[in-house]
């Protein structure tokens, strides 16, 4: 059985395939908010993560919702974002 490596042409089990180094990635979920848009809410989550994490790889939108006020107005757009980064062990 062959396994495709997401985001590249490398396929496990193929003779002559390029070697891909083994690595481990951690995935966390963050919720970003913005009074303007879901895009800005997602970007806020990634920007904050980038300040404390290294080797960010992928950001995936897991969910979108809105905080609604008493008068039915949109107070904030919220984006739940899954962010992966390269996991490093202390040796």
PDB file of N, CA and C in Angstrom:
ATOM      1  N   UNK A   1       0.841  -1.189   0.000  1.00  0.00           N
ATOM      2  CA  UNK A   1       0.000   0.000   0.000  1.00  0.00           C
ATOM      3  C   UNK A   1       0.882   1.247   0.000  1.00  0.00           C
ATOM      4  N   UNK A   2       0.513   2.235  -0.771  1.00  0.00           N
ATOM      5  CA  UNK A   2       1.312   3.449  -0.883  1.00  0.00           C
ATOM      6  C   UNK A   2       0.634   4.575  -0.119  1.00  0.00           C
ATOM      7  N   UNK A   3       1.446   5.413   0.521  1.00  0.00           N
ATOM      8  CA  UNK A   3       0.939   6.563   1.259  1.00  0.00           C
ATOM      9  C   UNK A   3       1.456   7.830   0.614  1.00  0.00           C
ATOM     10  N   UNK A   4       0.567   8.755   0.335  1.00  0.00           N
ATOM     11  CA  UNK A   4       0.988  10.037  -0.238  1.00  0.00           C
ATOM     12  C   UNK A   4       1.394  10.971   0.882  1.00  0.00           C
ATOM     13  N   UNK A   5       2.424  11.732   0.658  1.00  0.00           N
ATOM     14  CA  UNK A   5       2.867  12.752   1.599  1.00  0.00           C
ATOM     15  C   UNK A   5       2.207  14.060   1.170  1.00  0.00           C
ATOM     16  N   UNK A   6       1.322  14.611   2.007  1.00  0.00           N
ATOM     17  CA  UNK A   6       0.559  15.800   1.649  1.00  0.00           C
ATOM     18  C   UNK A   6       1.487  16.951   1.278  1.00  0.00           C
ATOM     19  N   UNK A   7       1.144  17.632   0.233  1.00  0.00           N
ATOM     20  CA  UNK A   7       1.865  18.828  -0.158  1.00  0.00           C
ATOM     21  C   UNK A   7       3.133  18.587  -0.941  1.00  0.00           C
ATOM     22  N   UNK A   8       3.397  17.350  -1.353  1.00  0.00           N
ATOM     23  CA  UNK A   8       4.584  17.107  -2.163  1.00  0.00           C
ATOM     24  C   UNK A   8       4.331  15.948  -3.100  1.00  0.00           C
ATOM     25  N   UNK A   9       5.285  15.725  -3.988  1.00  0.00           N
ATOM     26  CA  UNK A   9       5.160  14.646  -4.953  1.00  0.00           C
ATOM     27  C   UNK A   9       5.706  13.335  -4.411  1.00  0.00           C
ATOM     28  N   UNK A  10       6.242  13.345  -3.201  1.00  0.00           N
ATOM     29  CA  UNK A  10       6.836  12.157  -2.615  1.00  0.00           C
ATOM     30  C   UNK A  10       5.759  11.148  -2.244  1.00  0.00           C
ATOM     31  N   UNK A  11       5.951   9.889  -2.616  1.00  0.00           N
ATOM     32  CA  UNK A  11       5.017   8.817  -2.281  1.00  0.00           C
ATOM     33  C   UNK A  11       5.813   7.674  -1.679  1.00  0.00           C
ATOM     34  N   UNK A  12       5.432   7.248  -0.474  1.00  0.00           N
ATOM     35  CA  UNK A  12       6.132   6.153   0.205  1.00  0.00           C
ATOM     36  C   UNK A  12       5.986   4.876  -0.603  1.00  0.00           C
ATOM     37  N   UNK A  13       7.035   4.097  -0.653  1.00  0.00           N
ATOM     38  CA  UNK A  13       6.981   2.821  -1.342  1.00  0.00           C
ATOM     39  C   UNK A  13       7.431   2.882  -2.787  1.00  0.00           C
ATOM     40  N   UNK A  14       7.647   4.040  -3.326  1.00  0.00           N
ATOM     41  CA  UNK A  14       8.108   4.155  -4.714  1.00  0.00           C
ATOM     42  C   UNK A  14       9.624   4.102  -4.759  1.00  0.00           C
ATOM     43  N   UNK A  15      10.154   3.284  -5.644  1.00  0.00           N
ATOM     44  CA  UNK A  15      11.603   3.233  -5.840  1.00  0.00           C
ATOM     45  C   UNK A  15      12.055   4.566  -6.424  1.00  0.00           C
ATOM     46  N   UNK A  16      13.169   5.063  -5.932  1.00  0.00           N
ATOM     47  CA  UNK A  16      13.720   6.302  -6.471  1.00  0.00           C
ATOM     48  C   UNK A  16      13.047   7.562  -5.956  1.00  0.00           C
ATOM     49  N   UNK A  17      12.106   7.454  -5.007  1.00  0.00           N
ATOM     50  CA  UNK A  17      11.458   8.636  -4.452  1.00  0.00           C
ATOM     51  C   UNK A  17      12.447   9.425  -3.615  1.00  0.00           C
ATOM     52  N   UNK A  18      12.314  10.738  -3.586  1.00  0.00           N
ATOM     53  CA  UNK A  18      13.220  11.538  -2.764  1.00  0.00           C
ATOM     54  C   UNK A  18      13.070  11.167  -1.289  1.00  0.00           C
ATOM     55  N   UNK A  19      14.165  11.234  -0.557  1.00  0.00           N
ATOM     56  CA  UNK A  19      14.138  10.937   0.867  1.00  0.00           C
ATOM     57  C   UNK A  19      13.589  12.147   1.623  1.00  0.00           C
ATOM     58  N   UNK A  20      12.633  11.900   2.505  1.00  0.00           N
ATOM     59  CA  UNK A  20      12.062  12.946   3.337  1.00  0.00           C
ATOM     60  C   UNK A  20      12.467  12.644   4.772  1.00  0.00           C
ATOM     61  N   UNK A  21      13.126  13.585   5.452  1.00  0.00           N
ATOM     62  CA  UNK A  21      13.552  13.318   6.823  1.00  0.00           C
ATOM     63  C   UNK A  21      12.334  13.140   7.730  1.00  0.00           C
ATOM     64  N   UNK A  22      12.488  12.256   8.714  1.00  0.00           N
ATOM     65  CA  UNK A  22      11.409  12.050   9.666  1.00  0.00           C
ATOM     66  C   UNK A  22      11.319  13.257  10.580  1.00  0.00           C
ATOM     67  N   UNK A  23      10.114  13.669  10.886  1.00  0.00           N
ATOM     68  CA  UNK A  23       9.905  14.763  11.815  1.00  0.00           C
ATOM     69  C   UNK A  23       8.520  14.614  12.430  1.00  0.00           C
ATOM     70  N   UNK A  24       8.306  15.306  13.521  1.00  0.00           N
ATOM     71  CA  UNK A  24       7.047  15.251  14.245  1.00  0.00           C
ATOM     72  C   UNK A  24       6.523  16.675  14.369  1.00  0.00           C
ATOM     73  N   UNK A  25       5.214  16.819  14.196  1.00  0.00           N
ATOM     74  CA  UNK A  25       4.575  18.121  14.303  1.00  0.00           C
ATOM     75  C   UNK A  25       3.500  18.081  15.376  1.00  0.00           C
ATOM     76  N   UNK A  26       3.401  19.130  16.132  1.00  0.00           N
ATOM     77  CA  UNK A  26       2.353  19.284  17.137  1.00  0.00           C
ATOM     78  C   UNK A  26       1.278  20.167  16.546  1.00  0.00           C
ATOM     79  N   UNK A  27       0.018  19.869  16.860  1.00  0.00           N
ATOM     80  CA  UNK A  27      -1.111  20.657  16.380  1.00  0.00           C
ATOM     81  C   UNK A  27      -1.851  21.217  17.594  1.00  0.00           C
ATOM     82  N   UNK A  28      -2.065  22.522  17.577  1.00  0.00           N
ATOM     83  CA  UNK A  28      -2.823  23.180  18.641  1.00  0.00           C
ATOM     84  C   UNK A  28      -4.012  23.906  18.025  1.00  0.00           C
ATOM     85  N   UNK A  29      -5.006  24.209  18.840  1.00  0.00           N
ATOM     86  CA  UNK A  29      -6.144  24.996  18.380  1.00  0.00           C
ATOM     87  C   UNK A  29      -6.155  26.332  19.110  1.00  0.00           C
ATOM     88  N   UNK A  30      -6.342  27.381  18.354  1.00  0.00           N
ATOM     89  CA  UNK A  30      -6.459  28.726  18.899  1.00  0.00           C
ATOM     90  C   UNK A  30      -7.729  29.360  18.355  1.00  0.00           C
ATOM     91  N   UNK A  31      -8.272  30.321  19.076  1.00  0.00           N
ATOM     92  CA  UNK A  31      -9.422  31.078  18.589  1.00  0.00           C
ATOM     93  C   UNK A  31      -9.004  32.535  18.481  1.00  0.00           C
ATOM     94  N   UNK A  32      -9.047  33.055  17.252  1.00  0.00           N
ATOM     95  CA  UNK A  32      -8.756  34.461  17.013  1.00  0.00           C
ATOM     96  C   UNK A  32     -10.059  35.221  16.869  1.00  0.00           C
ATOM     97  N   UNK A  33     -10.074  36.474  17.262  1.00  0.00           N
ATOM     98  CA  UNK A  33     -11.275  37.305  17.134  1.00  0.00           C
ATOM     99  C   UNK A  33     -10.944  38.612  16.432  1.00  0.00           C
ATOM    100  N   UNK A  34     -11.956  39.168  15.783  1.00  0.00           N
ATOM    101  CA  UNK A  34     -11.814  40.458  15.121  1.00  0.00           C
ATOM    102  C   UNK A  34     -13.184  41.104  15.009  1.00  0.00           C
ATOM    103  N   UNK A  35     -13.269  42.404  15.185  1.00  0.00           N
ATOM    104  CA  UNK A  35     -14.548  43.081  14.964  1.00  0.00           C
ATOM    105  C   UNK A  35     -14.853  43.282  13.480  1.00  0.00           C
ATOM    106  N   UNK A  36     -13.888  42.958  12.601  1.00  0.00           N
ATOM    107  CA  UNK A  36     -14.036  43.258  11.175  1.00  0.00           C
ATOM    108  C   UNK A  36     -14.342  42.071  10.275  1.00  0.00           C
ATOM    109  N   UNK A  37     -13.630  40.916  10.462  1.00  0.00           N
ATOM    110  CA  UNK A  37     -13.823  39.799   9.524  1.00  0.00           C
ATOM    111  C   UNK A  37     -13.245  38.502  10.072  1.00  0.00           C
ATOM    112  N   UNK A  38     -13.691  37.386   9.467  1.00  0.00           N
ATOM    113  CA  UNK A  38     -13.135  36.082   9.817  1.00  0.00           C
ATOM    114  C   UNK A  38     -11.670  35.997   9.395  1.00  0.00           C
ATOM    115  N   UNK A  39     -11.338  36.589   8.254  1.00  0.00           N
ATOM    116  CA  UNK A  39      -9.949  36.556   7.786  1.00  0.00           C
ATOM    117  C   UNK A  39      -9.013  37.218   8.802  1.00  0.00           C
ATOM    118  N   UNK A  40      -9.427  38.363   9.323  1.00  0.00           N
ATOM    119  CA  UNK A  40      -8.594  39.062  10.300  1.00  0.00           C
ATOM    120  C   UNK A  40      -8.555  38.300  11.626  1.00  0.00           C
ATOM    121  N   UNK A  41      -9.642  37.619  11.966  1.00  0.00           N
ATOM    122  CA  UNK A  41      -9.660  36.804  13.183  1.00  0.00           C
ATOM    123  C   UNK A  41      -8.669  35.653  13.062  1.00  0.00           C
ATOM    124  N   UNK A  42      -8.659  34.974  11.912  1.00  0.00           N
ATOM    125  CA  UNK A  42      -7.724  33.862  11.686  1.00  0.00           C
ATOM    126  C   UNK A  42      -6.282  34.374  11.680  1.00  0.00           C
ATOM    127  N   UNK A  43      -6.054  35.494  11.022  1.00  0.00           N
ATOM    128  CA  UNK A  43      -4.710  36.069  10.962  1.00  0.00           C
ATOM    129  C   UNK A  43      -4.219  36.453  12.359  1.00  0.00           C
ATOM    130  N   UNK A  44      -5.113  36.946  13.213  1.00  0.00           N
ATOM    131  CA  UNK A  44      -4.727  37.311  14.574  1.00  0.00           C
ATOM    132  C   UNK A  44      -4.249  36.087  15.344  1.00  0.00           C
ATOM    133  N   UNK A  45      -4.919  34.956  15.172  1.00  0.00           N
ATOM    134  CA  UNK A  45      -4.508  33.723  15.855  1.00  0.00           C
ATOM    135  C   UNK A  45      -3.110  33.294  15.398  1.00  0.00           C
ATOM    136  N   UNK A  46      -2.867  33.357  14.102  1.00  0.00           N
ATOM    137  CA  UNK A  46      -1.557  32.955  13.572  1.00  0.00           C
ATOM    138  C   UNK A  46      -0.472  33.925  14.032  1.00  0.00           C
ATOM    139  N   UNK A  47      -0.753  35.205  14.015  1.00  0.00           N
ATOM    140  CA  UNK A  47       0.241  36.200  14.419  1.00  0.00           C
ATOM    141  C   UNK A  47       0.643  36.039  15.876  1.00  0.00           C
ATOM    142  N   UNK A  48      -0.314  35.758  16.740  1.00  0.00           N
ATOM    143  CA  UNK A  48       0.002  35.556  18.157  1.00  0.00           C
ATOM    144  C   UNK A  48       0.803  34.273  18.340  1.00  0.00           C
ATOM    145  N   UNK A  49       0.414  33.208  17.640  1.00  0.00           N
ATOM    146  CA  UNK A  49       1.161  31.940  17.734  1.00  0.00           C
ATOM    147  C   UNK A  49       2.603  32.128  17.285  1.00  0.00           C
ATOM    148  N   UNK A  50       2.809  32.910  16.247  1.00  0.00           N
ATOM    149  CA  UNK A  50       4.152  33.118  15.696  1.00  0.00           C
ATOM    150  C   UNK A  50       5.080  33.844  16.678  1.00  0.00           C
ATOM    151  N   UNK A  51       4.516  34.556  17.648  1.00  0.00           N
ATOM    152  CA  UNK A  51       5.343  35.263  18.622  1.00  0.00           C
ATOM    153  C   UNK A  51       5.973  34.325  19.643  1.00  0.00           C
ATOM    154  N   UNK A  52       5.344  33.161  19.876  1.00  0.00           N
ATOM    155  CA  UNK A  52       5.882  32.271  20.906  1.00  0.00           C
ATOM    156  C   UNK A  52       6.260  30.881  20.403  1.00  0.00           C
ATOM    157  N   UNK A  53       5.896  30.541  19.183  1.00  0.00           N
ATOM    158  CA  UNK A  53       6.210  29.226  18.626  1.00  0.00           C
ATOM    159  C   UNK A  53       7.150  29.381  17.447  1.00  0.00           C
ATOM    160  N   UNK A  54       7.972  28.349  17.207  1.00  0.00           N
ATOM    161  CA  UNK A  54       8.885  28.366  16.069  1.00  0.00           C
ATOM    162  C   UNK A  54       8.462  27.318  15.059  1.00  0.00           C
ATOM    163  N   UNK A  55       8.882  27.497  13.835  1.00  0.00           N
ATOM    164  CA  UNK A  55       8.644  26.541  12.752  1.00  0.00           C
ATOM    165  C   UNK A  55       7.165  26.261  12.515  1.00  0.00           C
ATOM    166  N   UNK A  56       6.347  27.325  12.479  1.00  0.00           N
ATOM    167  CA  UNK A  56       4.936  27.135  12.131  1.00  0.00           C
ATOM    168  C   UNK A  56       4.857  26.571  10.720  1.00  0.00           C
ATOM    169  N   UNK A  57       3.963  25.626  10.487  1.00  0.00           N
ATOM    170  CA  UNK A  57       3.888  24.966   9.185  1.00  0.00           C
ATOM    171  C   UNK A  57       2.566  25.180   8.475  1.00  0.00           C
ATOM    172  N   UNK A  58       1.468  24.816   9.121  1.00  0.00           N
ATOM    173  CA  UNK A  58       0.155  24.845   8.475  1.00  0.00           C
ATOM    174  C   UNK A  58      -0.848  25.482   9.425  1.00  0.00           C
ATOM    175  N   UNK A  59      -1.738  26.295   8.879  1.00  0.00           N
ATOM    176  CA  UNK A  59      -2.880  26.814   9.637  1.00  0.00           C
ATOM    177  C   UNK A  59      -4.136  26.357   8.904  1.00  0.00           C
ATOM    178  N   UNK A  60      -5.014  25.712   9.634  1.00  0.00           N
ATOM    179  CA  UNK A  60      -6.253  25.179   9.058  1.00  0.00           C
ATOM    180  C   UNK A  60      -7.438  25.773   9.811  1.00  0.00           C
ATOM    181  N   UNK A  61      -8.396  26.309   9.085  1.00  0.00           N
ATOM    182  CA  UNK A  61      -9.590  26.849   9.714  1.00  0.00           C
ATOM    183  C   UNK A  61     -10.491  25.684  10.118  1.00  0.00           C
ATOM    184  N   UNK A  62     -10.727  25.551  11.421  1.00  0.00           N
ATOM    185  CA  UNK A  62     -11.545  24.452  11.927  1.00  0.00           C
ATOM    186  C   UNK A  62     -13.015  24.855  12.046  1.00  0.00           C
ATOM    187  N   UNK A  63     -13.261  26.126  12.372  1.00  0.00           N
ATOM    188  CA  UNK A  63     -14.638  26.562  12.581  1.00  0.00           C
ATOM    189  C   UNK A  63     -14.692  28.086  12.513  1.00  0.00           C
ATOM    190  N   UNK A  64     -15.815  28.595  12.080  1.00  0.00           N
ATOM    191  CA  UNK A  64     -16.056  30.040  12.045  1.00  0.00           C
ATOM    192  C   UNK A  64     -17.367  30.304  12.763  1.00  0.00           C
ATOM    193  N   UNK A  65     -17.403  31.348  13.598  1.00  0.00           N
ATOM    194  CA  UNK A  65     -18.663  31.751  14.212  1.00  0.00           C
ATOM    195  C   UNK A  65     -18.605  33.240  14.521  1.00  0.00           C
ATOM    196  N   UNK A  66     -19.711  33.755  15.058  1.00  0.00           N
ATOM    197  CA  UNK A  66     -19.790  35.174  15.389  1.00  0.00           C
ATOM    198  C   UNK A  66     -20.352  35.337  16.788  1.00  0.00           C
ATOM    199  N   UNK A  67     -19.881  36.364  17.476  1.00  0.00           N
ATOM    200  CA  UNK A  67     -20.462  36.762  18.748  1.00  0.00           C
ATOM    201  C   UNK A  67     -21.521  37.811  18.409  1.00  0.00           C
ATOM    202  N   UNK A  68     -22.762  37.545  18.819  1.00  0.00           N
ATOM    203  CA  UNK A  68     -23.893  38.423  18.478  1.00  0.00           C
ATOM    204  C   UNK A  68     -24.332  39.191  19.719  1.00  0.00           C
ATOM    205  N   UNK A  69     -24.563  40.478  19.547  1.00  0.00           N
ATOM    206  CA  UNK A  69     -25.013  41.328  20.652  1.00  0.00           C
ATOM    207  C   UNK A  69     -26.510  41.237  20.883  1.00  0.00           C
ATOM    208  N   UNK A  70     -26.975  41.901  21.923  1.00  0.00           N
ATOM    209  CA  UNK A  70     -28.390  41.874  22.308  1.00  0.00           C
ATOM    210  C   UNK A  70     -29.311  42.439  21.237  1.00  0.00           C
ATOM    211  N   UNK A  71     -28.821  43.365  20.434  1.00  0.00           N
ATOM    212  CA  UNK A  71     -29.623  43.982  19.382  1.00  0.00           C
ATOM    213  C   UNK A  71     -29.509  43.227  18.055  1.00  0.00           C
ATOM    214  N   UNK A  72     -28.834  42.077  18.077  1.00  0.00           N
ATOM    215  CA  UNK A  72     -28.672  41.290  16.858  1.00  0.00           C
ATOM    216  C   UNK A  72     -27.487  41.707  16.005  1.00  0.00           C
ATOM    217  N   UNK A  73     -26.662  42.602  16.499  1.00  0.00           N
ATOM    218  CA  UNK A  73     -25.499  43.076  15.746  1.00  0.00           C
ATOM    219  C   UNK A  73     -24.316  42.133  15.957  1.00  0.00           C
ATOM    220  N   UNK A  74     -23.459  42.074  14.943  1.00  0.00           N
ATOM    221  CA  UNK A  74     -22.238  41.283  15.061  1.00  0.00           C
ATOM    222  C   UNK A  74     -21.252  42.064  15.922  1.00  0.00           C
ATOM    223  N   UNK A  75     -20.826  41.453  17.020  1.00  0.00           N
ATOM    224  CA  UNK A  75     -19.848  42.083  17.900  1.00  0.00           C
ATOM    225  C   UNK A  75     -18.441  41.669  17.502  1.00  0.00           C
ATOM    226  N   UNK A  76     -18.284  40.383  17.169  1.00  0.00           N
ATOM    227  CA  UNK A  76     -16.949  39.901  16.795  1.00  0.00           C
ATOM    228  C   UNK A  76     -17.066  38.668  15.918  1.00  0.00           C
ATOM    229  N   UNK A  77     -16.157  38.561  14.970  1.00  0.00           N
ATOM    230  CA  UNK A  77     -15.990  37.353  14.161  1.00  0.00           C
ATOM    231  C   UNK A  77     -14.952  36.492  14.871  1.00  0.00           C
ATOM    232  N   UNK A  78     -15.209  35.178  14.926  1.00  0.00           N
ATOM    233  CA  UNK A  78     -14.273  34.276  15.596  1.00  0.00           C
ATOM    234  C   UNK A  78     -13.873  33.157  14.646  1.00  0.00           C
ATOM    235  N   UNK A  79     -12.603  32.846  14.636  1.00  0.00           N
ATOM    236  CA  UNK A  79     -12.070  31.761  13.807  1.00  0.00           C
ATOM    237  C   UNK A  79     -11.291  30.801  14.693  1.00  0.00           C
ATOM    238  N   UNK A  80     -11.725  29.533  14.721  1.00  0.00           N
ATOM    239  CA  UNK A  80     -10.959  28.504  15.421  1.00  0.00           C
ATOM    240  C   UNK A  80      -9.963  27.957  14.412  1.00  0.00           C
ATOM    241  N   UNK A  81      -8.683  28.052  14.756  1.00  0.00           N
ATOM    242  CA  UNK A  81      -7.604  27.724  13.830  1.00  0.00           C
ATOM    243  C   UNK A  81      -6.736  26.615  14.424  1.00  0.00           C
ATOM    244  N   UNK A  82      -6.500  25.566  13.632  1.00  0.00           N
ATOM    245  CA  UNK A  82      -5.538  24.528  14.016  1.00  0.00           C
ATOM    246  C   UNK A  82      -4.204  24.904  13.394  1.00  0.00           C
ATOM    247  N   UNK A  83      -3.191  25.013  14.232  1.00  0.00           N
ATOM    248  CA  UNK A  83      -1.870  25.417  13.768  1.00  0.00           C
ATOM    249  C   UNK A  83      -0.878  24.303  14.086  1.00  0.00           C
ATOM    250  N   UNK A  84      -0.089  23.931  13.087  1.00  0.00           N
ATOM    251  CA  UNK A  84       0.926  22.914  13.341  1.00  0.00           C
ATOM    252  C   UNK A  84       2.309  23.561  13.321  1.00  0.00           C
ATOM    253  N   UNK A  85       3.175  23.017  14.169  1.00  0.00           N
ATOM    254  CA  UNK A  85       4.557  23.478  14.217  1.00  0.00           C
ATOM    255  C   UNK A  85       5.446  22.285  14.493  1.00  0.00           C
ATOM    256  N   UNK A  86       6.690  22.411  14.082  1.00  0.00           N
ATOM    257  CA  UNK A  86       7.638  21.315  14.239  1.00  0.00           C
ATOM    258  C   UNK A  86       7.950  21.116  15.715  1.00  0.00           C
ATOM    259  N   UNK A  87       7.783  19.880  16.167  1.00  0.00           N
ATOM    260  CA  UNK A  87       8.021  19.526  17.563  1.00  0.00           C
ATOM    261  C   UNK A  87       9.487  19.195  17.752  1.00  0.00           C
ATOM    262  N   UNK A  88      10.101  19.808  18.753  1.00  0.00           N
ATOM    263  CA  UNK A  88      11.520  19.569  19.025  1.00  0.00           C
ATOM    264  C   UNK A  88      11.669  19.019  20.437  1.00  0.00           C
ATOM    265  N   UNK A  89      12.535  18.060  20.584  1.00  0.00           N
ATOM    266  CA  UNK A  89      12.829  17.524  21.908  1.00  0.00           C
ATOM    267  C   UNK A  89      14.138  18.102  22.385  1.00  0.00           C
ATOM    268  N   UNK A  90      14.268  18.248  23.664  1.00  0.00           N
ATOM    269  CA  UNK A  90      15.517  18.742  24.253  1.00  0.00           C
ATOM    270  C   UNK A  90      16.457  17.573  24.398  1.00  0.00           C
ATOM    271  N   UNK A  91      17.584  17.581  23.700  1.00  0.00           N
ATOM    272  CA  UNK A  91      18.574  16.509  23.784  1.00  0.00           C
ATOM    273  C   UNK A  91      19.770  16.936  24.603  1.00  0.00           C
TER     274      UNK A  91
END
